[in-house]
Amino acid sequence: QHIRLPGYIVPLEVSEEGRTTEFLLVPYFGACIHVPPPPSNQIVHVKSEVGVKLDELYQPYWIEGAMQVKPSSSELADAGYQMDAEKIYLYELPE
């Protein structure tokens, strides 16, 4: 199903150009890095061909793409969902 989700990016794979091409999308800043990971039903394992250049880990993003219920595991956490990202852009609060 094609959806749009907001969240924070926890990098798993970074290309030679410095773009994050595989990451975990988590509901709050610092998840999996500074504090224990949230439950797997709150984590999405995302892959992106283009990737995203991360300037700040505390910046939230919108991720759009096809998502499926498919568990996966990484060194940082277990994810309950997988997504192929078609669009990745900054989450900005309205002024």
N, C-alpha and C. Protein backbone atom coordinates (compact mmCIF):
# COMPACT_ATOMS: atom_id res chain seq x y z
N GLN A 1 0.83 -1.18 0.00
CA GLN A 1 0.00 0.00 0.00
C GLN A 1 0.88 1.25 0.00
N HIS A 2 0.51 2.25 -0.80
CA HIS A 2 1.27 3.49 -0.91
C HIS A 2 0.83 4.45 0.20
N ILE A 3 1.78 4.87 1.04
CA ILE A 3 1.45 5.75 2.16
C ILE A 3 2.50 6.83 2.34
N ARG A 4 2.22 7.77 3.26
CA ARG A 4 3.16 8.80 3.65
C ARG A 4 3.27 8.77 5.16
N LEU A 5 4.50 8.64 5.68
CA LEU A 5 4.73 8.55 7.12
C LEU A 5 5.77 9.58 7.57
N PRO A 6 5.55 10.23 8.71
CA PRO A 6 6.61 11.08 9.27
C PRO A 6 7.44 10.28 10.27
N GLY A 7 8.67 10.72 10.48
CA GLY A 7 9.50 10.08 11.49
C GLY A 7 10.93 10.53 11.41
N TYR A 8 11.75 9.89 12.23
CA TYR A 8 13.18 10.21 12.29
C TYR A 8 13.97 9.08 11.65
N ILE A 9 15.06 9.45 11.00
CA ILE A 9 15.87 8.49 10.25
C ILE A 9 17.05 8.01 11.10
N VAL A 10 17.20 6.69 11.18
CA VAL A 10 18.37 6.07 11.80
C VAL A 10 19.12 5.35 10.68
N PRO A 11 20.27 5.90 10.23
CA PRO A 11 20.97 5.33 9.07
C PRO A 11 21.47 3.91 9.30
N LEU A 12 21.33 3.08 8.26
CA LEU A 12 21.90 1.73 8.25
C LEU A 12 22.96 1.61 7.17
N GLU A 13 22.68 2.17 5.98
CA GLU A 13 23.62 2.13 4.85
C GLU A 13 23.81 3.53 4.30
N VAL A 14 25.07 3.91 4.08
CA VAL A 14 25.38 5.22 3.51
C VAL A 14 26.24 5.00 2.27
N SER A 15 25.86 5.64 1.16
CA SER A 15 26.59 5.50 -0.10
C SER A 15 27.92 6.25 -0.04
N GLU A 16 28.75 6.04 -1.06
CA GLU A 16 30.04 6.74 -1.13
C GLU A 16 29.85 8.24 -1.21
N GLU A 17 28.71 8.67 -1.76
CA GLU A 17 28.42 10.10 -1.88
C GLU A 17 27.88 10.68 -0.56
N GLY A 18 27.74 9.84 0.45
CA GLY A 18 27.25 10.32 1.74
C GLY A 18 25.74 10.36 1.86
N ARG A 19 25.04 9.67 0.95
CA ARG A 19 23.58 9.64 1.01
C ARG A 19 23.13 8.36 1.72
N THR A 20 22.18 8.50 2.63
CA THR A 20 21.63 7.36 3.36
C THR A 20 20.63 6.65 2.45
N THR A 21 20.92 5.39 2.09
CA THR A 21 20.08 4.64 1.16
C THR A 21 19.25 3.56 1.84
N GLU A 22 19.61 3.25 3.07
CA GLU A 22 18.85 2.26 3.84
C GLU A 22 18.83 2.73 5.28
N PHE A 23 17.63 2.75 5.87
CA PHE A 23 17.51 3.30 7.22
C PHE A 23 16.27 2.77 7.93
N LEU A 24 16.24 3.01 9.23
CA LEU A 24 15.05 2.73 10.02
C LEU A 24 14.31 4.04 10.22
N LEU A 25 13.00 4.02 10.05
CA LEU A 25 12.15 5.17 10.34
C LEU A 25 11.53 4.92 11.71
N VAL A 26 11.82 5.81 12.66
CA VAL A 26 11.37 5.63 14.04
C VAL A 26 10.54 6.83 14.48
N PRO A 27 9.70 6.66 15.52
CA PRO A 27 8.75 7.72 15.90
C PRO A 27 9.34 8.87 16.71
N TYR A 28 10.55 8.71 17.27
CA TYR A 28 11.11 9.80 18.07
C TYR A 28 12.62 9.85 17.91
N PHE A 29 13.18 11.05 18.14
CA PHE A 29 14.61 11.28 17.99
C PHE A 29 15.40 10.45 19.00
N GLY A 30 16.51 9.89 18.56
CA GLY A 30 17.39 9.14 19.44
C GLY A 30 17.05 7.68 19.59
N ALA A 31 15.92 7.25 19.04
CA ALA A 31 15.53 5.84 19.13
C ALA A 31 16.60 4.97 18.48
N CYS A 32 16.96 3.89 19.12
CA CYS A 32 17.94 2.91 18.63
C CYS A 32 19.38 3.39 18.79
N ILE A 33 19.59 4.68 19.07
CA ILE A 33 20.96 5.20 19.18
C ILE A 33 21.27 5.49 20.65
N HIS A 34 20.51 6.41 21.25
CA HIS A 34 20.78 6.83 22.63
C HIS A 34 19.90 6.11 23.64
N VAL A 35 18.79 5.58 23.19
CA VAL A 35 17.86 4.90 24.09
C VAL A 35 17.45 3.57 23.44
N PRO A 36 16.87 2.66 24.22
CA PRO A 36 16.43 1.39 23.62
C PRO A 36 15.43 1.62 22.48
N PRO A 37 15.39 0.70 21.52
CA PRO A 37 14.48 0.88 20.38
C PRO A 37 13.01 0.73 20.79
N PRO A 38 12.12 1.39 20.05
CA PRO A 38 10.69 1.18 20.28
C PRO A 38 10.30 -0.22 19.82
N PRO A 39 9.08 -0.68 20.11
CA PRO A 39 8.65 -1.99 19.64
C PRO A 39 8.65 -2.06 18.11
N SER A 40 8.77 -3.27 17.58
CA SER A 40 8.90 -3.45 16.12
C SER A 40 7.71 -2.92 15.35
N ASN A 41 6.53 -2.82 15.98
CA ASN A 41 5.37 -2.30 15.26
C ASN A 41 5.41 -0.78 15.11
N GLN A 42 6.47 -0.14 15.63
CA GLN A 42 6.66 1.31 15.47
C GLN A 42 7.88 1.63 14.61
N ILE A 43 8.50 0.61 14.01
CA ILE A 43 9.72 0.81 13.22
C ILE A 43 9.50 0.32 11.79
N VAL A 44 9.93 1.14 10.82
CA VAL A 44 9.84 0.77 9.40
C VAL A 44 11.26 0.72 8.83
N HIS A 45 11.60 -0.40 8.19
CA HIS A 45 12.88 -0.55 7.50
C HIS A 45 12.69 -0.01 6.08
N VAL A 46 13.41 1.08 5.76
CA VAL A 46 13.21 1.77 4.49
C VAL A 46 14.43 1.63 3.60
N LYS A 47 14.18 1.39 2.30
CA LYS A 47 15.24 1.39 1.28
C LYS A 47 14.90 2.44 0.25
N SER A 48 15.94 3.14 -0.23
CA SER A 48 15.75 4.20 -1.21
C SER A 48 16.90 4.16 -2.20
N GLU A 49 16.57 4.11 -3.50
CA GLU A 49 17.62 4.10 -4.52
C GLU A 49 18.40 5.41 -4.51
N VAL A 50 17.69 6.53 -4.43
CA VAL A 50 18.35 7.84 -4.45
C VAL A 50 18.97 8.16 -3.10
N GLY A 51 18.28 7.81 -2.03
CA GLY A 51 18.78 8.10 -0.69
C GLY A 51 18.51 9.53 -0.28
N VAL A 52 18.99 9.87 0.88
CA VAL A 52 18.80 11.22 1.42
C VAL A 52 20.10 11.66 2.09
N LYS A 53 20.47 12.91 1.89
CA LYS A 53 21.65 13.49 2.53
C LYS A 53 21.22 14.03 3.88
N LEU A 54 21.69 13.39 4.95
CA LEU A 54 21.29 13.80 6.29
C LEU A 54 22.24 14.87 6.82
N ASP A 55 21.68 16.03 7.15
CA ASP A 55 22.49 17.07 7.78
C ASP A 55 22.42 16.94 9.29
N GLU A 56 21.25 16.62 9.80
CA GLU A 56 21.03 16.51 11.24
C GLU A 56 20.16 15.29 11.53
N LEU A 57 20.56 14.49 12.52
CA LEU A 57 19.76 13.32 12.88
C LEU A 57 18.46 13.71 13.59
N TYR A 58 18.42 14.90 14.18
CA TYR A 58 17.21 15.30 14.91
C TYR A 58 16.16 15.95 14.01
N GLN A 59 16.40 15.97 12.71
CA GLN A 59 15.43 16.53 11.75
C GLN A 59 14.44 15.45 11.33
N PRO A 60 13.13 15.66 11.54
CA PRO A 60 12.15 14.67 11.07
C PRO A 60 11.91 14.79 9.56
N TYR A 61 11.48 13.69 8.95
CA TYR A 61 11.24 13.63 7.51
C TYR A 61 9.89 12.99 7.22
N TRP A 62 9.35 13.31 6.05
CA TRP A 62 8.22 12.57 5.48
C TRP A 62 8.81 11.54 4.53
N ILE A 63 8.30 10.33 4.58
CA ILE A 63 8.70 9.27 3.66
C ILE A 63 7.44 8.80 2.94
N GLU A 64 7.49 8.77 1.60
CA GLU A 64 6.37 8.28 0.81
C GLU A 64 6.81 7.06 0.02
N GLY A 65 5.93 6.06 -0.04
CA GLY A 65 6.25 4.88 -0.83
C GLY A 65 5.33 3.72 -0.49
N ALA A 66 5.65 2.59 -1.08
CA ALA A 66 4.86 1.38 -0.86
C ALA A 66 5.37 0.68 0.39
N MET A 67 4.45 0.39 1.32
CA MET A 67 4.82 -0.26 2.57
C MET A 67 4.13 -1.61 2.67
N GLN A 68 4.83 -2.55 3.30
CA GLN A 68 4.25 -3.86 3.51
C GLN A 68 4.60 -4.36 4.91
N VAL A 69 3.74 -5.22 5.44
CA VAL A 69 4.02 -5.85 6.72
C VAL A 69 5.00 -6.97 6.44
N LYS A 70 6.25 -6.74 6.83
CA LYS A 70 7.30 -7.72 6.57
C LYS A 70 8.42 -7.47 7.57
N PRO A 71 8.56 -8.34 8.56
CA PRO A 71 9.58 -8.13 9.59
C PRO A 71 11.00 -8.19 9.04
N SER A 72 11.90 -7.41 9.65
CA SER A 72 13.32 -7.46 9.31
C SER A 72 14.11 -7.13 10.56
N SER A 73 15.36 -7.56 10.59
CA SER A 73 16.22 -7.31 11.75
C SER A 73 17.51 -6.65 11.31
N SER A 74 18.02 -5.77 12.16
CA SER A 74 19.33 -5.17 11.95
C SER A 74 20.04 -5.17 13.30
N GLU A 75 21.28 -4.69 13.32
CA GLU A 75 22.01 -4.64 14.58
C GLU A 75 21.34 -3.71 15.59
N LEU A 76 20.63 -2.71 15.08
CA LEU A 76 20.05 -1.70 15.96
C LEU A 76 18.66 -2.06 16.49
N ALA A 77 17.84 -2.71 15.65
CA ALA A 77 16.46 -2.99 16.07
C ALA A 77 15.77 -3.95 15.11
N ASP A 78 14.64 -4.47 15.55
CA ASP A 78 13.75 -5.27 14.71
C ASP A 78 12.64 -4.37 14.20
N ALA A 79 12.37 -4.44 12.90
CA ALA A 79 11.31 -3.64 12.29
C ALA A 79 10.16 -4.55 11.88
N GLY A 80 8.94 -4.06 12.04
CA GLY A 80 7.76 -4.84 11.68
C GLY A 80 7.29 -4.59 10.26
N TYR A 81 7.84 -3.55 9.62
CA TYR A 81 7.40 -3.16 8.28
C TYR A 81 8.59 -2.85 7.40
N GLN A 82 8.38 -2.95 6.08
CA GLN A 82 9.39 -2.55 5.10
C GLN A 82 8.75 -1.61 4.10
N MET A 83 9.56 -0.66 3.61
CA MET A 83 9.05 0.33 2.67
C MET A 83 10.11 0.64 1.62
N ASP A 84 9.66 0.80 0.37
CA ASP A 84 10.51 1.30 -0.70
C ASP A 84 10.16 2.77 -0.88
N ALA A 85 11.08 3.65 -0.49
CA ALA A 85 10.80 5.09 -0.51
C ALA A 85 10.87 5.64 -1.92
N GLU A 86 9.81 6.34 -2.32
CA GLU A 86 9.79 7.03 -3.60
C GLU A 86 10.12 8.51 -3.41
N LYS A 87 9.69 9.07 -2.27
CA LYS A 87 9.98 10.47 -1.95
C LYS A 87 10.41 10.57 -0.50
N ILE A 88 11.42 11.42 -0.25
CA ILE A 88 11.89 11.71 1.10
C ILE A 88 12.06 13.22 1.18
N TYR A 89 11.36 13.86 2.11
CA TYR A 89 11.51 15.31 2.23
C TYR A 89 11.32 15.75 3.67
N LEU A 90 11.83 16.94 3.98
CA LEU A 90 11.80 17.47 5.34
C LEU A 90 10.38 17.62 5.86
N TYR A 91 10.21 17.31 7.12
CA TYR A 91 8.95 17.55 7.82
C TYR A 91 9.07 18.94 8.41
N GLU A 92 8.23 19.85 7.93
CA GLU A 92 8.29 21.22 8.42
C GLU A 92 6.97 21.61 9.05
N LEU A 93 7.06 22.27 10.18
CA LEU A 93 5.86 22.74 10.86
C LEU A 93 5.30 23.96 10.16
N PRO A 94 3.99 24.07 10.06
CA PRO A 94 3.41 25.27 9.44
C PRO A 94 3.69 26.50 10.30
N GLU A 95 3.85 27.63 9.66
CA GLU A 95 4.18 28.86 10.40
C GLU A 95 2.94 29.61 10.80
